[in-house]
Protein backbone atom coordinates (compact mmCIF):
# COMPACT_ATOMS: atom_id res chain seq x y z
CA MET A 1 -6.93 -3.57 23.84
CA ASP A 2 -4.60 -4.63 21.03
CA TYR A 3 -4.43 -1.51 18.87
CA LEU A 4 -2.38 -3.31 16.22
CA GLN A 5 -5.20 -5.80 15.66
CA GLN A 6 -7.80 -3.04 15.68
CA GLY A 7 -5.85 -1.21 12.99
CA MET A 8 -5.53 -4.39 10.94
CA LYS A 9 -9.31 -4.78 10.94
CA VAL A 10 -9.72 -1.24 9.60
CA GLY A 11 -7.03 -1.91 7.01
CA LEU A 12 -8.88 -5.02 5.85
CA LEU A 13 -12.10 -3.06 5.36
CA LEU A 14 -10.18 -0.35 3.50
CA SER A 15 -8.53 -2.89 1.20
CA LEU A 16 -11.91 -4.29 0.11
CA LEU A 17 -12.99 -1.01 -1.47
CA ALA A 18 -12.97 -1.15 -5.28
CA GLY A 19 -11.96 2.38 -6.17
CA PRO A 20 -9.51 3.99 -8.64
CA ILE A 21 -6.55 2.55 -6.72
CA PHE A 22 -7.85 -0.97 -7.32
CA PHE A 23 -8.12 -0.39 -11.07
CA ALA A 24 -4.64 1.17 -11.25
CA LEU A 25 -3.02 -1.75 -9.41
CA ILE A 26 -4.78 -4.49 -11.36
CA GLN A 27 -4.15 -2.92 -14.76
CA THR A 28 -0.47 -2.32 -14.05
CA GLY A 29 0.00 -5.79 -12.60
CA ILE A 30 -1.53 -7.48 -15.63
CA GLU A 31 0.16 -5.39 -18.30
CA LYS A 32 3.57 -4.74 -16.75
CA GLY A 33 4.03 -7.33 -14.04
CA LEU A 34 4.83 -7.52 -10.35
CA ARG A 35 7.63 -4.97 -10.12
CA ALA A 36 5.76 -2.26 -12.01
CA GLY A 37 2.60 -2.84 -10.00
CA THR A 38 4.59 -2.70 -6.79
CA VAL A 39 6.10 0.64 -7.82
CA VAL A 40 2.58 2.02 -8.34
CA GLY A 41 1.67 0.60 -4.94
CA LEU A 42 4.75 2.24 -3.42
CA GLY A 43 3.50 5.62 -4.57
CA ILE A 44 0.13 4.90 -2.94
CA TRP A 45 1.68 3.72 0.33
CA ILE A 46 4.04 6.70 0.64
CA SER A 47 1.09 9.01 0.03
CA ASP A 48 -0.82 7.30 2.86
CA VAL A 49 2.14 7.58 5.24
CA LEU A 50 2.47 11.30 4.50
CA PHE A 51 -1.24 11.74 5.22
CA ILE A 52 -0.86 9.89 8.51
CA LEU A 53 2.04 12.08 9.59
CA GLY A 54 0.26 15.24 8.48
CA VAL A 55 -3.02 14.62 10.28
CA TYR A 56 -1.36 13.20 13.39
CA TYR A 57 0.97 16.12 14.00
CA GLY A 58 -1.27 18.89 12.74
CA LEU A 59 -4.85 17.67 13.12
CA SER A 60 -6.38 20.95 14.32
CA TYR A 61 -4.80 22.95 11.49
CA VAL A 62 -5.57 20.32 8.86
CA LYS A 63 -9.22 20.03 9.91
CA SER A 64 -9.79 23.78 9.70
CA PHE A 65 -7.96 23.94 6.37
CA VAL A 66 -9.78 21.11 4.59
CA SER A 67 -13.19 22.06 5.92
CA GLY A 68 -13.21 25.15 3.69
CA ARG A 69 -15.49 25.00 0.64
CA ILE A 70 -12.79 26.26 -1.73
CA PHE A 71 -10.34 23.55 -0.72
CA VAL A 72 -12.87 20.74 -1.07
CA LEU A 73 -14.04 22.07 -4.43
CA SER A 74 -10.51 22.54 -5.79
CA LEU A 75 -9.36 19.15 -4.60
CA GLY A 76 -12.42 17.38 -5.95
CA ILE A 77 -12.25 19.00 -9.39
CA THR A 78 -8.49 18.46 -9.67
CA GLY A 79 -8.77 14.87 -8.55
CA GLY A 80 -11.70 14.22 -10.87
CA ILE A 81 -9.89 15.67 -13.87
CA LEU A 82 -6.79 13.61 -13.09
CA LEU A 83 -8.81 10.39 -12.87
CA ILE A 84 -10.56 11.22 -16.15
CA VAL A 85 -7.20 11.86 -17.85
CA PHE A 86 -5.84 8.53 -16.61
CA GLY A 87 -9.03 6.84 -17.80
CA ILE A 88 -8.96 8.42 -21.28
CA THR A 89 -5.28 7.52 -21.61
CA SER A 90 -6.10 3.94 -20.74
CA LEU A 91 -8.84 3.86 -23.39
CA LEU A 92 -6.75 5.42 -26.14
CA LEU A 93 -3.58 3.37 -25.65
CA ARG A 94 -4.08 -0.10 -27.05
CA PRO A 95 -2.42 -2.97 -25.15
CA ARG A 96 0.35 -5.04 -26.70
CA GLN A 97 -0.79 -7.91 -28.85
CA GLN A 98 1.19 -10.24 -26.60
CA LEU A 99 2.42 -9.68 -23.08
CA PRO A 100 6.19 -10.08 -22.63
CA ARG A 101 7.31 -13.29 -20.98
CA GLN A 102 10.23 -11.59 -19.25
CA SER A 103 10.03 -9.06 -16.45
CA PHE A 104 9.08 -5.52 -17.37
CA ALA A 105 12.23 -3.45 -17.90
CA ALA A 106 12.27 0.33 -18.06
CA GLY A 107 14.40 3.37 -17.42
CA ALA A 108 14.34 5.56 -14.35
CA SER A 109 11.82 7.96 -15.91
CA THR A 110 9.31 5.15 -16.49
CA TRP A 111 9.64 3.87 -12.93
CA LEU A 112 9.17 7.43 -11.69
CA ALA A 113 6.05 7.81 -13.85
CA LEU A 114 4.59 4.61 -12.40
CA TRP A 115 5.35 5.74 -8.86
CA LEU A 116 3.90 9.18 -9.55
CA LYS A 117 0.73 7.61 -10.97
CA GLY A 118 0.07 5.75 -7.71
CA PHE A 119 1.04 8.75 -5.59
CA LEU A 120 -1.22 11.19 -7.44
CA ILE A 121 -4.25 8.88 -7.69
CA ASN A 122 -4.16 8.44 -3.91
CA THR A 123 -3.18 12.00 -2.96
CA VAL A 124 -5.82 13.89 -4.95
CA ASN A 125 -8.61 11.57 -3.86
CA PRO A 126 -10.69 13.44 -1.25
CA PHE A 127 -11.66 10.12 0.31
CA THR A 128 -8.03 9.67 1.36
CA PHE A 129 -7.98 13.08 3.05
CA PHE A 130 -11.16 12.58 5.02
CA PHE A 131 -10.49 8.94 5.85
CA TRP A 132 -7.21 9.70 7.61
CA ILE A 133 -8.59 12.85 9.23
CA GLY A 134 -11.56 10.87 10.51
CA ILE A 135 -9.32 8.11 11.86
CA ALA A 136 -7.02 10.57 13.56
CA GLY A 137 -9.85 12.64 15.01
CA VAL A 138 -12.20 9.91 16.19
CA VAL A 139 -9.80 7.13 17.17
CA VAL A 140 -6.57 8.88 18.15
CA VAL A 141 -7.74 12.19 19.64
CA ASP A 142 -11.21 11.35 20.96
CA GLY A 143 -10.02 7.89 21.99
CA GLY A 144 -7.11 9.38 23.91
CA LEU A 145 -4.47 7.15 22.32
CA ALA A 146 -0.88 7.61 23.45
CA PRO A 147 1.83 8.00 20.77
CA ARG A 148 2.87 4.34 21.06
CA GLN A 149 -0.74 3.17 20.80
CA SER A 150 -1.32 5.45 17.81
CA PHE A 151 1.76 4.03 16.09
CA SER A 152 0.48 0.48 16.61
CA TYR A 153 -2.95 1.42 15.27
CA PHE A 154 -1.65 3.09 12.12
CA ALA A 155 0.93 0.33 11.62
CA GLY A 156 -1.88 -2.22 11.71
CA ILE A 157 -3.83 -0.36 9.03
CA MET A 158 -0.84 0.11 6.73
CA SER A 159 0.43 -3.45 7.14
CA ILE A 160 -2.84 -4.84 5.78
CA VAL A 161 -3.11 -2.18 3.05
CA VAL A 162 0.41 -2.91 1.80
CA ALA A 163 -0.07 -6.69 2.01
CA THR A 164 -3.42 -6.73 0.18
CA ASP A 165 -2.28 -4.26 -2.50
CA PHE A 166 0.77 -6.43 -3.14
CA LEU A 167 -1.48 -9.50 -3.28
CA LYS A 168 -3.72 -7.83 -5.87
CA VAL A 169 -0.72 -7.10 -8.09
CA ALA A 170 0.69 -10.60 -7.62
CA LEU A 171 -2.64 -12.21 -8.55
CA ALA A 172 -2.95 -9.91 -11.55
CA LYS A 173 0.47 -11.06 -12.72
CA ARG A 174 -0.53 -14.71 -12.28
CA ILE A 175 -3.52 -14.43 -14.60
CA ARG A 176 -1.73 -12.35 -17.26
CA HIS A 177 -0.38 -15.49 -18.97
CA PHE A 178 -3.92 -16.73 -19.57
CA LEU A 179 -5.11 -13.55 -21.24
CA ARG A 180 -5.41 -13.06 -24.98
CA PRO A 181 -5.25 -9.67 -26.76
CA VAL A 182 -9.04 -9.30 -26.72
CA HIS A 183 -9.05 -9.82 -22.94
CA LEU A 184 -6.39 -7.16 -22.51
CA LEU A 185 -8.39 -4.75 -24.66
CA TRP A 186 -11.52 -5.25 -22.59
CA MET A 187 -9.54 -4.98 -19.36
CA ARG A 188 -8.22 -1.61 -20.51
CA ARG A 189 -11.72 -0.50 -21.49
CA ILE A 190 -13.18 -1.50 -18.12
CA SER A 191 -10.30 0.06 -16.20
CA GLY A 192 -10.40 3.28 -18.24
CA ALA A 193 -14.19 3.56 -18.02
CA GLY A 194 -14.03 2.93 -14.28
CA LEU A 195 -11.50 5.72 -13.74
CA ILE A 196 -13.54 8.11 -15.90
CA LEU A 197 -16.74 7.32 -13.98
CA PHE A 198 -14.98 7.81 -10.64
CA GLY A 199 -13.62 11.15 -11.89
CA ILE A 200 -17.01 12.38 -13.13
CA ALA A 201 -18.76 11.25 -9.93
CA LEU A 202 -16.14 13.03 -7.84
CA ILE A 203 -16.54 16.31 -9.71
CA VAL A 204 -20.35 16.13 -9.59
CA ARG A 205 -20.28 15.34 -5.87
CA VAL A 206 -18.08 18.28 -4.87
CA VAL A 207 -19.84 20.76 -7.18
CA ALA A 208 -23.31 19.69 -6.04
CA GLY A 209 -22.22 19.65 -2.40
């Protein structure tokens, strides 16, 4: 069995999900361009890699830790509030009347803020926790994968995730030149409303659960 190809199939399914990460990448790509969107993506990808390492080398401890009601509740509420804050910020900040023709330029603090945005949106999302725990538990442990096979499997997932996220940002940059101010305003409204709805749904789900 080619574990690299199996992982790539899972990565493709994961990349098709339209969640808060999708909105963050598209909005950044349109408003700030390829480099800024890639920095947001880099925060997301590093977060995923840290999850992979954490669940692979400490699966039994991680599973017992995250199965607790307090952890799930705290993570869900924190993640929901963070998504709502990002969404409200997106609604309140009006886009520029005209997108710059040159590449987005910023200082180190702005690049760090973009990276941190991607990292936090992915890290505090409970779906990310349970997705990687489920993959590690069902496929790696129950499937009896050797370290080399596990590496190929996870590499397959991440290769597709990185490639498709980068493609989303690149396509967003391509269409930015065809957008007028009213389009940018509605894009911000849709993106902000989407993040707020995801945040509210997350909080309701963990509280009701």
